[in-house]
PDB file of N, CA and C in Angstrom:
ATOM      1  N   MET A   1      32.113  42.809 -21.127  1.00  0.00           N
ATOM      2  CA  MET A   1      32.584  42.068 -20.145  1.00  0.00           C
ATOM      3  C   MET A   1      33.843  42.258 -19.837  1.00  0.00           C
ATOM      4  N   ALA A   2      34.430  42.249 -18.841  1.00  0.00           N
ATOM      5  CA  ALA A   2      35.951  42.225 -18.331  1.00  0.00           C
ATOM      6  C   ALA A   2      36.954  41.229 -19.010  1.00  0.00           C
ATOM      7  N   GLU A   3      37.828  41.571 -19.274  1.00  0.00           N
ATOM      8  CA  GLU A   3      38.804  40.947 -19.923  1.00  0.00           C
ATOM      9  C   GLU A   3      39.673  40.123 -18.678  1.00  0.00           C
ATOM     10  N   PHE A   4      40.198  38.853 -19.064  1.00  0.00           N
ATOM     11  CA  PHE A   4      41.328  38.203 -17.955  1.00  0.00           C
ATOM     12  C   PHE A   4      42.537  38.767 -18.171  1.00  0.00           C
ATOM     13  N   PRO A   5      43.408  39.203 -17.031  1.00  0.00           N
ATOM     14  CA  PRO A   5      45.021  39.634 -17.400  1.00  0.00           C
ATOM     15  C   PRO A   5      45.605  38.553 -18.384  1.00  0.00           C
ATOM     16  N   GLU A   6      46.724  38.962 -19.038  1.00  0.00           N
ATOM     17  CA  GLU A   6      47.190  38.278 -20.028  1.00  0.00           C
ATOM     18  C   GLU A   6      47.914  36.907 -19.369  1.00  0.00           C
ATOM     19  N   GLU A   7      48.657  37.298 -18.145  1.00  0.00           N
ATOM     20  CA  GLU A   7      49.299  36.168 -17.182  1.00  0.00           C
ATOM     21  C   GLU A   7      48.363  35.013 -17.128  1.00  0.00           C
ATOM     22  N   VAL A   8      47.145  35.506 -16.700  1.00  0.00           N
ATOM     23  CA  VAL A   8      46.174  34.450 -16.413  1.00  0.00           C
ATOM     24  C   VAL A   8      45.736  33.553 -17.686  1.00  0.00           C
ATOM     25  N   VAL A   9      45.260  34.416 -18.666  1.00  0.00           N
ATOM     26  CA  VAL A   9      45.253  33.550 -20.198  1.00  0.00           C
ATOM     27  C   VAL A   9      46.500  32.705 -20.731  1.00  0.00           C
ATOM     28  N   LYS A  10      47.626  33.219 -20.374  1.00  0.00           N
ATOM     29  CA  LYS A  10      48.970  32.068 -20.887  1.00  0.00           C
ATOM     30  C   LYS A  10      48.917  31.137 -19.878  1.00  0.00           C
ATOM     31  N   LYS A  11      48.601  31.242 -18.831  1.00  0.00           N
ATOM     32  CA  LYS A  11      48.692  30.005 -17.801  1.00  0.00           C
ATOM     33  C   LYS A  11      47.151  28.959 -18.172  1.00  0.00           C
ATOM     34  N   ALA A  12      46.435  29.429 -18.371  1.00  0.00           N
ATOM     35  CA  ALA A  12      45.100  28.726 -18.735  1.00  0.00           C
ATOM     36  C   ALA A  12      45.659  27.855 -20.063  1.00  0.00           C
ATOM     37  N   PHE A  13      46.123  28.736 -20.788  1.00  0.00           N
ATOM     38  CA  PHE A  13      46.286  28.096 -22.309  1.00  0.00           C
ATOM     39  C   PHE A  13      47.244  27.096 -22.338  1.00  0.00           C
ATOM     40  N   GLY A  14      48.417  27.309 -21.327  1.00  0.00           N
ATOM     41  CA  GLY A  14      49.085  26.130 -20.941  1.00  0.00           C
ATOM     42  C   GLY A  14      48.677  24.889 -20.098  1.00  0.00           C
ATOM     43  N   ALA A  15      47.578  25.249 -19.299  1.00  0.00           N
ATOM     44  CA  ALA A  15      46.759  24.009 -18.646  1.00  0.00           C
ATOM     45  C   ALA A  15      46.257  23.414 -19.655  1.00  0.00           C
ATOM     46  N   SER A  16      45.479  24.275 -20.467  1.00  0.00           N
ATOM     47  CA  SER A  16      44.651  23.233 -21.561  1.00  0.00           C
ATOM     48  C   SER A  16      45.608  22.369 -22.579  1.00  0.00           C
ATOM     49  N   ASP A  17      46.608  22.650 -22.567  1.00  0.00           N
ATOM     50  CA  ASP A  17      47.706  22.218 -23.205  1.00  0.00           C
ATOM     51  C   ASP A  17      47.458  22.310 -24.915  1.00  0.00           C
ATOM     52  N   GLY A  18      46.847  23.589 -24.929  1.00  0.00           N
ATOM     53  CA  GLY A  18      46.491  24.326 -26.321  1.00  0.00           C
ATOM     54  C   GLY A  18      45.429  23.596 -27.173  1.00  0.00           C
ATOM     55  N   ARG A  19      44.449  23.227 -26.246  1.00  0.00           N
ATOM     56  CA  ARG A  19      43.272  22.616 -26.623  1.00  0.00           C
ATOM     57  C   ARG A  19      42.310  23.262 -26.320  1.00  0.00           C
ATOM     58  N   CYS A  20      40.692  23.196 -27.104  1.00  0.00           N
ATOM     59  CA  CYS A  20      39.687  23.710 -26.572  1.00  0.00           C
ATOM     60  C   CYS A  20      39.087  22.883 -25.074  1.00  0.00           C
ATOM     61  N   GLU A  21      38.618  23.472 -24.192  1.00  0.00           N
ATOM     62  CA  GLU A  21      38.046  22.821 -23.152  1.00  0.00           C
ATOM     63  C   GLU A  21      36.973  22.460 -22.939  1.00  0.00           C
ATOM     64  N   CYS A  22      36.033  22.996 -24.190  1.00  0.00           N
ATOM     65  CA  CYS A  22      34.640  22.892 -23.800  1.00  0.00           C
ATOM     66  C   CYS A  22      34.097  21.648 -23.813  1.00  0.00           C
ATOM     67  N   LEU A  23      33.135  21.260 -22.760  1.00  0.00           N
ATOM     68  CA  LEU A  23      32.541  20.192 -22.371  1.00  0.00           C
ATOM     69  C   LEU A  23      31.045  20.059 -22.764  1.00  0.00           C
ATOM     70  N   THR A  24      30.584  20.929 -23.245  1.00  0.00           N
ATOM     71  CA  THR A  24      28.896  21.163 -23.655  1.00  0.00           C
ATOM     72  C   THR A  24      28.639  20.079 -24.600  1.00  0.00           C
ATOM     73  N   VAL A  25      27.635  19.343 -23.987  1.00  0.00           N
ATOM     74  CA  VAL A  25      27.171  17.938 -24.547  1.00  0.00           C
ATOM     75  C   VAL A  25      26.565  18.117 -25.840  1.00  0.00           C
ATOM     76  N   GLU A  26      25.959  19.292 -26.078  1.00  0.00           N
ATOM     77  CA  GLU A  26      25.070  20.039 -27.013  1.00  0.00           C
ATOM     78  C   GLU A  26      25.698  20.153 -28.120  1.00  0.00           C
ATOM     79  N   HIS A  27      27.124  20.625 -28.091  1.00  0.00           N
ATOM     80  CA  HIS A  27      27.690  20.978 -29.229  1.00  0.00           C
ATOM     81  C   HIS A  27      28.519  19.751 -30.078  1.00  0.00           C
ATOM     82  N   GLY A  28      28.028  18.695 -29.600  1.00  0.00           N
ATOM     83  CA  GLY A  28      28.586  17.421 -30.537  1.00  0.00           C
ATOM     84  C   GLY A  28      29.583  17.029 -30.593  1.00  0.00           C
ATOM     85  N   HIS A  29      30.777  16.998 -29.834  1.00  0.00           N
ATOM     86  CA  HIS A  29      31.733  16.998 -29.641  1.00  0.00           C
ATOM     87  C   HIS A  29      32.141  15.205 -29.656  1.00  0.00           C
ATOM     88  N   ILE A  30      33.309  14.962 -30.321  1.00  0.00           N
ATOM     89  CA  ILE A  30      33.456  13.247 -30.556  1.00  0.00           C
ATOM     90  C   ILE A  30      34.312  12.715 -29.399  1.00  0.00           C
ATOM     91  N   TYR A  31      35.105  13.740 -28.838  1.00  0.00           N
ATOM     92  CA  TYR A  31      36.143  12.965 -27.855  1.00  0.00           C
ATOM     93  C   TYR A  31      35.250  12.849 -26.332  1.00  0.00           C
ATOM     94  N   ASN A  32      34.508  12.068 -25.937  1.00  0.00           N
ATOM     95  CA  ASN A  32      34.021  11.877 -24.928  1.00  0.00           C
ATOM     96  C   ASN A  32      33.083  13.226 -24.216  1.00  0.00           C
ATOM     97  N   SER A  33      32.677  14.058 -24.982  1.00  0.00           N
ATOM     98  CA  SER A  33      31.846  15.215 -24.689  1.00  0.00           C
ATOM     99  C   SER A  33      32.976  16.395 -24.826  1.00  0.00           C
ATOM    100  N   GLN A  34      34.085  16.293 -25.036  1.00  0.00           N
ATOM    101  CA  GLN A  34      34.883  17.454 -24.704  1.00  0.00           C
ATOM    102  C   GLN A  34      35.665  17.801 -26.375  1.00  0.00           C
ATOM    103  N   CYS A  35      35.812  18.805 -26.676  1.00  0.00           N
ATOM    104  CA  CYS A  35      35.941  19.220 -28.255  1.00  0.00           C
ATOM    105  C   CYS A  35      37.300  18.932 -28.360  1.00  0.00           C
ATOM    106  N   MET A  36      38.241  19.100 -27.592  1.00  0.00           N
ATOM    107  CA  MET A  36      39.619  19.086 -27.789  1.00  0.00           C
ATOM    108  C   MET A  36      40.463  19.524 -28.920  1.00  0.00           C
ATOM    109  N   ARG A  37      40.017  20.453 -29.875  1.00  0.00           N
ATOM    110  CA  ARG A  37      40.433  21.010 -31.151  1.00  0.00           C
ATOM    111  C   ARG A  37      41.835  21.704 -30.593  1.00  0.00           C
ATOM    112  N   VAL A  38      42.746  21.190 -31.252  1.00  0.00           N
ATOM    113  CA  VAL A  38      44.319  21.968 -31.210  1.00  0.00           C
ATOM    114  C   VAL A  38      44.058  23.535 -31.743  1.00  0.00           C
ATOM    115  N   LEU A  39      44.621  24.294 -30.861  1.00  0.00           N
ATOM    116  CA  LEU A  39      44.760  25.817 -30.950  1.00  0.00           C
ATOM    117  C   LEU A  39      46.149  26.482 -30.710  1.00  0.00           C
ATOM    118  N   THR A  40      46.159  27.403 -31.757  1.00  0.00           N
ATOM    119  CA  THR A  40      47.556  28.106 -31.778  1.00  0.00           C
ATOM    120  C   THR A  40      47.306  29.258 -31.010  1.00  0.00           C
ATOM    121  N   TRP A  41      48.497  29.636 -30.442  1.00  0.00           N
ATOM    122  CA  TRP A  41      48.534  30.649 -29.201  1.00  0.00           C
ATOM    123  C   TRP A  41      48.368  31.907 -30.256  1.00  0.00           C
ATOM    124  N   ASN A  42      48.858  32.302 -31.084  1.00  0.00           N
ATOM    125  CA  ASN A  42      48.621  33.699 -32.173  1.00  0.00           C
ATOM    126  C   ASN A  42      47.226  33.829 -32.597  1.00  0.00           C
ATOM    127  N   LYS A  43      46.588  32.888 -32.527  1.00  0.00           N
ATOM    128  CA  LYS A  43      45.284  33.258 -33.370  1.00  0.00           C
ATOM    129  C   LYS A  43      44.259  33.453 -32.438  1.00  0.00           C
ATOM    130  N   ARG A  44      44.505  34.076 -31.266  1.00  0.00           N
ATOM    131  CA  ARG A  44      43.450  34.244 -30.208  1.00  0.00           C
ATOM    132  C   ARG A  44      42.510  35.414 -30.814  1.00  0.00           C
ATOM    133  N   GLY A  45      41.415  35.198 -30.754  1.00  0.00           N
ATOM    134  CA  GLY A  45      40.517  36.330 -31.252  1.00  0.00           C
ATOM    135  C   GLY A  45      40.152  36.260 -32.855  1.00  0.00           C
ATOM    136  N   GLN A  46      40.791  35.406 -33.195  1.00  0.00           N
ATOM    137  CA  GLN A  46      40.506  35.242 -34.639  1.00  0.00           C
ATOM    138  C   GLN A  46      39.094  34.440 -35.020  1.00  0.00           C
ATOM    139  N   SER A  47      38.344  35.390 -35.581  1.00  0.00           N
ATOM    140  CA  SER A  47      37.196  34.827 -36.031  1.00  0.00           C
ATOM    141  C   SER A  47      36.878  34.021 -37.239  1.00  0.00           C
ATOM    142  N   PHE A  48      37.692  34.310 -38.069  1.00  0.00           N
ATOM    143  CA  PHE A  48      37.392  33.794 -39.528  1.00  0.00           C
ATOM    144  C   PHE A  48      38.355  32.896 -39.659  1.00  0.00           C
ATOM    145  N   MET A  49      38.198  32.006 -40.844  1.00  0.00           N
ATOM    146  CA  MET A  49      39.119  30.898 -40.928  1.00  0.00           C
ATOM    147  C   MET A  49      40.514  31.335 -41.547  1.00  0.00           C
ATOM    148  N   ALA A  50      41.458  31.046 -41.275  1.00  0.00           N
ATOM    149  CA  ALA A  50      42.507  31.502 -41.732  1.00  0.00           C
ATOM    150  C   ALA A  50      43.124  30.581 -43.020  1.00  0.00           C
ATOM    151  N   PRO A  51      44.045  30.842 -43.966  1.00  0.00           N
ATOM    152  CA  PRO A  51      44.429  30.357 -45.033  1.00  0.00           C
ATOM    153  C   PRO A  51      44.704  28.780 -44.612  1.00  0.00           C
ATOM    154  N   ASP A  52      45.206  28.194 -43.485  1.00  0.00           N
ATOM    155  CA  ASP A  52      45.438  26.994 -42.985  1.00  0.00           C
ATOM    156  C   ASP A  52      44.319  26.246 -42.748  1.00  0.00           C
ATOM    157  N   GLY A  53      43.272  26.758 -42.577  1.00  0.00           N
ATOM    158  CA  GLY A  53      41.968  26.210 -42.109  1.00  0.00           C
ATOM    159  C   GLY A  53      41.560  26.094 -40.714  1.00  0.00           C
ATOM    160  N   GLU A  54      42.470  27.069 -39.992  1.00  0.00           N
ATOM    161  CA  GLU A  54      42.106  27.127 -38.734  1.00  0.00           C
ATOM    162  C   GLU A  54      41.429  28.258 -38.264  1.00  0.00           C
ATOM    163  N   LYS A  55      40.687  28.215 -37.546  1.00  0.00           N
ATOM    164  CA  LYS A  55      40.066  29.610 -36.786  1.00  0.00           C
ATOM    165  C   LYS A  55      40.799  29.690 -35.404  1.00  0.00           C
ATOM    166  N   GLY A  56      40.432  30.929 -34.928  1.00  0.00           N
ATOM    167  CA  GLY A  56      40.939  31.127 -33.740  1.00  0.00           C
ATOM    168  C   GLY A  56      40.562  30.556 -32.246  1.00  0.00           C
ATOM    169  N   TRP A  57      40.613  31.197 -31.000  1.00  0.00           N
ATOM    170  CA  TRP A  57      40.174  30.986 -30.008  1.00  0.00           C
ATOM    171  C   TRP A  57      39.849  31.779 -29.245  1.00  0.00           C
ATOM    172  N   GLU A  58      39.427  31.559 -27.697  1.00  0.00           N
ATOM    173  CA  GLU A  58      39.131  32.794 -26.765  1.00  0.00           C
ATOM    174  C   GLU A  58      39.130  32.521 -25.259  1.00  0.00           C
ATOM    175  N   ALA A  59      39.494  33.186 -24.637  1.00  0.00           N
ATOM    176  CA  ALA A  59      39.499  32.861 -23.100  1.00  0.00           C
ATOM    177  C   ALA A  59      38.068  33.164 -22.529  1.00  0.00           C
ATOM    178  N   ASN A  60      37.250  32.311 -22.007  1.00  0.00           N
ATOM    179  CA  ASN A  60      35.854  32.410 -21.494  1.00  0.00           C
ATOM    180  C   ASN A  60      35.805  32.507 -20.096  1.00  0.00           C
ATOM    181  N   TRP A  61      34.975  33.001 -19.465  1.00  0.00           N
ATOM    182  CA  TRP A  61      34.808  33.114 -17.814  1.00  0.00           C
ATOM    183  C   TRP A  61      33.815  31.877 -17.717  1.00  0.00           C
ATOM    184  N   ILE A  62      34.460  31.001 -16.800  1.00  0.00           N
ATOM    185  CA  ILE A  62      33.299  29.866 -16.314  1.00  0.00           C
ATOM    186  C   ILE A  62      32.372  30.451 -15.637  1.00  0.00           C
ATOM    187  N   VAL A  63      32.420  31.492 -14.745  1.00  0.00           N
ATOM    188  CA  VAL A  63      31.618  32.190 -13.710  1.00  0.00           C
ATOM    189  C   VAL A  63      32.157  33.547 -14.110  1.00  0.00           C
ATOM    190  N   SER A  64      31.108  34.708 -14.689  1.00  0.00           N
ATOM    191  CA  SER A  64      31.198  35.741 -15.224  1.00  0.00           C
ATOM    192  C   SER A  64      31.302  36.839 -13.883  1.00  0.00           C
ATOM    193  N   PRO A  65      31.996  37.740 -14.184  1.00  0.00           N
ATOM    194  CA  PRO A  65      32.230  38.702 -13.225  1.00  0.00           C
ATOM    195  C   PRO A  65      30.990  39.209 -12.656  1.00  0.00           C
ATOM    196  N   GLU A  66      29.932  39.434 -13.278  1.00  0.00           N
ATOM    197  CA  GLU A  66      28.545  39.770 -12.878  1.00  0.00           C
ATOM    198  C   GLU A  66      28.118  38.942 -11.731  1.00  0.00           C
ATOM    199  N   ASN A  67      28.426  37.681 -11.899  1.00  0.00           N
ATOM    200  CA  ASN A  67      27.844  36.442 -10.784  1.00  0.00           C
ATOM    201  C   ASN A  67      29.017  36.351  -9.935  1.00  0.00           C
ATOM    202  N   GLY A  68      30.102  37.090  -9.802  1.00  0.00           N
ATOM    203  CA  GLY A  68      31.184  36.971  -8.861  1.00  0.00           C
ATOM    204  C   GLY A  68      32.112  36.289  -8.968  1.00  0.00           C
ATOM    205  N   GLY A  69      32.447  35.930 -10.515  1.00  0.00           N
ATOM    206  CA  GLY A  69      33.845  35.433 -10.973  1.00  0.00           C
ATOM    207  C   GLY A  69      34.841  36.238 -10.722  1.00  0.00           C
ATOM    208  N   LYS A  70      36.106  35.514 -10.513  1.00  0.00           N
ATOM    209  CA  LYS A  70      37.408  36.413 -10.312  1.00  0.00           C
ATOM    210  C   LYS A  70      38.263  36.102 -11.518  1.00  0.00           C
ATOM    211  N   PRO A  71      38.992  37.144 -11.769  1.00  0.00           N
ATOM    212  CA  PRO A  71      39.780  36.953 -13.099  1.00  0.00           C
ATOM    213  C   PRO A  71      41.073  35.809 -12.647  1.00  0.00           C
ATOM    214  N   ILE A  72      40.873  34.774 -12.359  1.00  0.00           N
ATOM    215  CA  ILE A  72      41.795  33.806 -12.193  1.00  0.00           C
ATOM    216  C   ILE A  72      42.036  32.465 -12.951  1.00  0.00           C
ATOM    217  N   GLN A  73      42.810  31.901 -13.084  1.00  0.00           N
ATOM    218  CA  GLN A  73      43.061  30.879 -13.882  1.00  0.00           C
ATOM    219  C   GLN A  73      42.073  29.665 -13.789  1.00  0.00           C
ATOM    220  N   GLU A  74      41.739  29.467 -12.797  1.00  0.00           N
ATOM    221  CA  GLU A  74      40.531  28.555 -12.303  1.00  0.00           C
ATOM    222  C   GLU A  74      39.084  28.787 -12.955  1.00  0.00           C
ATOM    223  N   ASN A  75      39.044  30.100 -13.246  1.00  0.00           N
ATOM    224  CA  ASN A  75      37.705  30.540 -13.611  1.00  0.00           C
ATOM    225  C   ASN A  75      38.011  30.909 -14.990  1.00  0.00           C
ATOM    226  N   CYS A  76      38.799  30.497 -15.692  1.00  0.00           N
ATOM    227  CA  CYS A  76      39.063  30.865 -16.844  1.00  0.00           C
ATOM    228  C   CYS A  76      39.222  29.594 -17.836  1.00  0.00           C
ATOM    229  N   GLU A  77      38.583  29.195 -19.125  1.00  0.00           N
ATOM    230  CA  GLU A  77      38.412  28.198 -20.036  1.00  0.00           C
ATOM    231  C   GLU A  77      38.858  28.775 -21.274  1.00  0.00           C
ATOM    232  N   ILE A  78      39.475  27.782 -21.947  1.00  0.00           N
ATOM    233  CA  ILE A  78      40.119  28.146 -23.338  1.00  0.00           C
ATOM    234  C   ILE A  78      39.078  27.481 -24.538  1.00  0.00           C
ATOM    235  N   LEU A  79      38.626  27.877 -25.033  1.00  0.00           N
ATOM    236  CA  LEU A  79      37.574  27.604 -26.150  1.00  0.00           C
ATOM    237  C   LEU A  79      38.083  27.726 -27.492  1.00  0.00           C
ATOM    238  N   CYS A  80      37.657  27.254 -28.528  1.00  0.00           N
ATOM    239  CA  CYS A  80      37.931  27.309 -30.021  1.00  0.00           C
ATOM    240  C   CYS A  80      36.578  28.308 -30.236  1.00  0.00           C
ATOM    241  N   TRP A  81      37.035  29.192 -31.177  1.00  0.00           N
ATOM    242  CA  TRP A  81      36.106  30.339 -31.534  1.00  0.00           C
ATOM    243  C   TRP A  81      34.692  29.676 -31.883  1.00  0.00           C
ATOM    244  N   ASP A  82      34.502  28.370 -32.326  1.00  0.00           N
ATOM    245  CA  ASP A  82      33.196  27.869 -32.836  1.00  0.00           C
ATOM    246  C   ASP A  82      32.414  27.588 -31.400  1.00  0.00           C
ATOM    247  N   CYS A  83      33.290  26.763 -30.258  1.00  0.00           N
ATOM    248  CA  CYS A  83      32.580  26.668 -29.150  1.00  0.00           C
ATOM    249  C   CYS A  83      32.288  28.079 -28.465  1.00  0.00           C
ATOM    250  N   TYR A  84      33.226  28.667 -28.119  1.00  0.00           N
ATOM    251  CA  TYR A  84      33.292  30.134 -27.546  1.00  0.00           C
ATOM    252  C   TYR A  84      31.937  31.070 -28.191  1.00  0.00           C
ATOM    253  N   CYS A  85      31.546  31.001 -29.346  1.00  0.00           N
ATOM    254  CA  CYS A  85      30.484  31.746 -29.656  1.00  0.00           C
ATOM    255  C   CYS A  85      29.111  30.772 -29.441  1.00  0.00           C
ATOM    256  N   LYS A  86      29.174  29.475 -29.714  1.00  0.00           N
ATOM    257  CA  LYS A  86      27.929  28.763 -29.227  1.00  0.00           C
ATOM    258  C   LYS A  86      27.458  29.104 -27.710  1.00  0.00           C
ATOM    259  N   LYS A  87      28.833  29.035 -26.806  1.00  0.00           N
ATOM    260  CA  LYS A  87      28.518  29.336 -25.381  1.00  0.00           C
ATOM    261  C   LYS A  87      28.002  30.646 -24.974  1.00  0.00           C
ATOM    262  N   ASN A  88      28.410  31.628 -25.932  1.00  0.00           N
ATOM    263  CA  ASN A  88      28.064  33.142 -25.517  1.00  0.00           C
ATOM    264  C   ASN A  88      27.214  33.349 -26.594  1.00  0.00           C
ATOM    265  N   LYS A  89      26.486  32.609 -27.219  1.00  0.00           N
ATOM    266  CA  LYS A  89      25.392  32.909 -28.237  1.00  0.00           C
ATOM    267  C   LYS A  89      25.705  34.268 -29.177  1.00  0.00           C
ATOM    268  N   LYS A  90      26.827  34.036 -29.816  1.00  0.00           N
ATOM    269  CA  LYS A  90      27.223  35.076 -30.789  1.00  0.00           C
ATOM    270  C   LYS A  90      27.187  34.640 -32.118  1.00  0.00           C
TER     271      LYS A  90
END
């Protein structure tokens, strides 16, 4: 799948206030169905648990390029690694 330009990811991460934006009810989030996990910029793509107990995060397509999605901030959601994997069935 296509990647977002770095500038789009930076803007989306800033707009997310460095938190997971997942709203998938089936994931069992405790904050009004939103994950809200605090994320660290330099842990993008980190799938393993770091010594500090944190996992990474990834930029996710809201509408995939295959379905006409554009690589713009409004189509980019920031997800913690757990939510990213669940949404993308990895």
